[in-house]
Amino acid sequence: MRMTLTEAREWREWSIDDLVHYSGVSRATVYRIEAGTSANPSNDTVTKLENALRLKRGTLVFGPLKALAS
């Protein structure tokens, strides 16, 4: 199952502060990813987020949802 960062965070019932704490990714980066203004985060950032959320590699999707659906 693939999901956005917001969906994964809410599935874990975490606040943004929880995700920042457990992943070590800055709050600004998390906000940009969730807002869709950072559609191409670094591999290091993606790894930190997926590890913190206990997701398999490649679970998180980034970018405008319209582009992902096509």
C-alpha atoms as a PDB file:
ATOM      1  CA  MET A   1       0.000   0.000   0.000  1.00  0.00           C
ATOM      2  CA  ARG A   2       1.348   3.435  -0.940  1.00  0.00           C
ATOM      3  CA  MET A   3       0.447   6.577   0.980  1.00  0.00           C
ATOM      4  CA  THR A   4       1.357  10.196   1.430  1.00  0.00           C
ATOM      5  CA  LEU A   5       3.333  11.360   4.437  1.00  0.00           C
ATOM      6  CA  THR A   6       0.207  12.912   5.945  1.00  0.00           C
ATOM      7  CA  GLU A   7      -1.736   9.663   5.565  1.00  0.00           C
ATOM      8  CA  ALA A   8       1.091   7.653   7.134  1.00  0.00           C
ATOM      9  CA  ARG A   9       1.490  10.090  10.013  1.00  0.00           C
ATOM     10  CA  GLU A  10      -2.241  10.120  10.715  1.00  0.00           C
ATOM     11  CA  TRP A  11      -2.375   6.307  10.442  1.00  0.00           C
ATOM     12  CA  ARG A  12       0.194   6.206  13.268  1.00  0.00           C
ATOM     13  CA  GLU A  13      -1.879   8.842  15.107  1.00  0.00           C
ATOM     14  CA  TRP A  14       1.184  11.083  15.337  1.00  0.00           C
ATOM     15  CA  SER A  15       1.363  14.836  15.363  1.00  0.00           C
ATOM     16  CA  ILE A  16       3.918  16.600  13.201  1.00  0.00           C
ATOM     17  CA  ASP A  17       5.978  17.114  16.370  1.00  0.00           C
ATOM     18  CA  ASP A  18       5.966  13.353  16.974  1.00  0.00           C
ATOM     19  CA  LEU A  19       7.216  12.705  13.446  1.00  0.00           C
ATOM     20  CA  VAL A  20       9.917  15.366  13.784  1.00  0.00           C
ATOM     21  CA  HIS A  21      11.031  13.845  17.071  1.00  0.00           C
ATOM     22  CA  TYR A  22      11.188  10.222  15.910  1.00  0.00           C
ATOM     23  CA  SER A  23      12.597  10.861  12.426  1.00  0.00           C
ATOM     24  CA  GLY A  24      15.094  13.633  13.046  1.00  0.00           C
ATOM     25  CA  VAL A  25      13.737  15.463   9.974  1.00  0.00           C
ATOM     26  CA  SER A  26      13.200  19.195  10.489  1.00  0.00           C
ATOM     27  CA  ARG A  27       9.717  20.547  11.078  1.00  0.00           C
ATOM     28  CA  ALA A  28      10.102  22.831   8.040  1.00  0.00           C
ATOM     29  CA  THR A  29      10.867  19.858   5.791  1.00  0.00           C
ATOM     30  CA  VAL A  30       7.900  17.873   7.079  1.00  0.00           C
ATOM     31  CA  TYR A  31       5.604  20.877   6.521  1.00  0.00           C
ATOM     32  CA  ARG A  32       6.923  21.367   2.964  1.00  0.00           C
ATOM     33  CA  ILE A  33       6.442  17.683   2.121  1.00  0.00           C
ATOM     34  CA  GLU A  34       2.925  17.590   3.553  1.00  0.00           C
ATOM     35  CA  ALA A  35       2.022  20.841   1.762  1.00  0.00           C
ATOM     36  CA  GLY A  36       3.257  19.408  -1.531  1.00  0.00           C
ATOM     37  CA  THR A  37       5.896  22.081  -2.056  1.00  0.00           C
ATOM     38  CA  SER A  38       8.735  19.578  -1.657  1.00  0.00           C
ATOM     39  CA  ALA A  39       7.807  16.847  -4.113  1.00  0.00           C
ATOM     40  CA  ASN A  40      11.306  15.385  -4.338  1.00  0.00           C
ATOM     41  CA  PRO A  41      12.828  14.918  -0.855  1.00  0.00           C
ATOM     42  CA  SER A  42      16.316  13.438  -0.569  1.00  0.00           C
ATOM     43  CA  ASN A  43      16.801   9.698  -0.171  1.00  0.00           C
ATOM     44  CA  ASP A  44      18.140  10.321   3.339  1.00  0.00           C
ATOM     45  CA  THR A  45      14.972  12.203   4.315  1.00  0.00           C
ATOM     46  CA  VAL A  46      12.702   9.527   2.847  1.00  0.00           C
ATOM     47  CA  THR A  47      14.631   6.792   4.670  1.00  0.00           C
ATOM     48  CA  LYS A  48      14.386   8.656   7.990  1.00  0.00           C
ATOM     49  CA  LEU A  49      10.640   9.178   7.580  1.00  0.00           C
ATOM     50  CA  GLU A  50       9.889   5.600   6.511  1.00  0.00           C
ATOM     51  CA  ASN A  51      12.052   4.172   9.301  1.00  0.00           C
ATOM     52  CA  ALA A  52      10.406   6.370  11.939  1.00  0.00           C
ATOM     53  CA  LEU A  53       6.952   5.389  10.695  1.00  0.00           C
ATOM     54  CA  ARG A  54       8.031   1.722  10.439  1.00  0.00           C
ATOM     55  CA  LEU A  55       7.126   1.529   6.756  1.00  0.00           C
ATOM     56  CA  LYS A  56       8.696  -0.564   4.016  1.00  0.00           C
ATOM     57  CA  ARG A  57      10.950   1.317   1.606  1.00  0.00           C
ATOM     58  CA  GLY A  58       8.930   2.809  -1.218  1.00  0.00           C
ATOM     59  CA  THR A  59       5.685   3.106   0.736  1.00  0.00           C
ATOM     60  CA  LEU A  60       5.644   6.901   0.853  1.00  0.00           C
ATOM     61  CA  VAL A  61       4.659   8.821  -2.262  1.00  0.00           C
ATOM     62  CA  PHE A  62       5.469  12.467  -2.907  1.00  0.00           C
ATOM     63  CA  GLY A  63       4.249  15.150  -5.265  1.00  0.00           C
ATOM     64  CA  PRO A  64       0.889  16.319  -6.502  1.00  0.00           C
ATOM     65  CA  LEU A  65      -1.693  13.576  -6.142  1.00  0.00           C
ATOM     66  CA  LYS A  66      -3.107  14.295  -9.618  1.00  0.00           C
ATOM     67  CA  ALA A  67       0.260  13.408 -11.145  1.00  0.00           C
ATOM     68  CA  LEU A  68       0.490  10.223  -9.085  1.00  0.00           C
ATOM     69  CA  ALA A  69      -2.939   9.040 -10.187  1.00  0.00           C
ATOM     70  CA  SER A  70      -2.110   9.119 -13.890  1.00  0.00           C
END
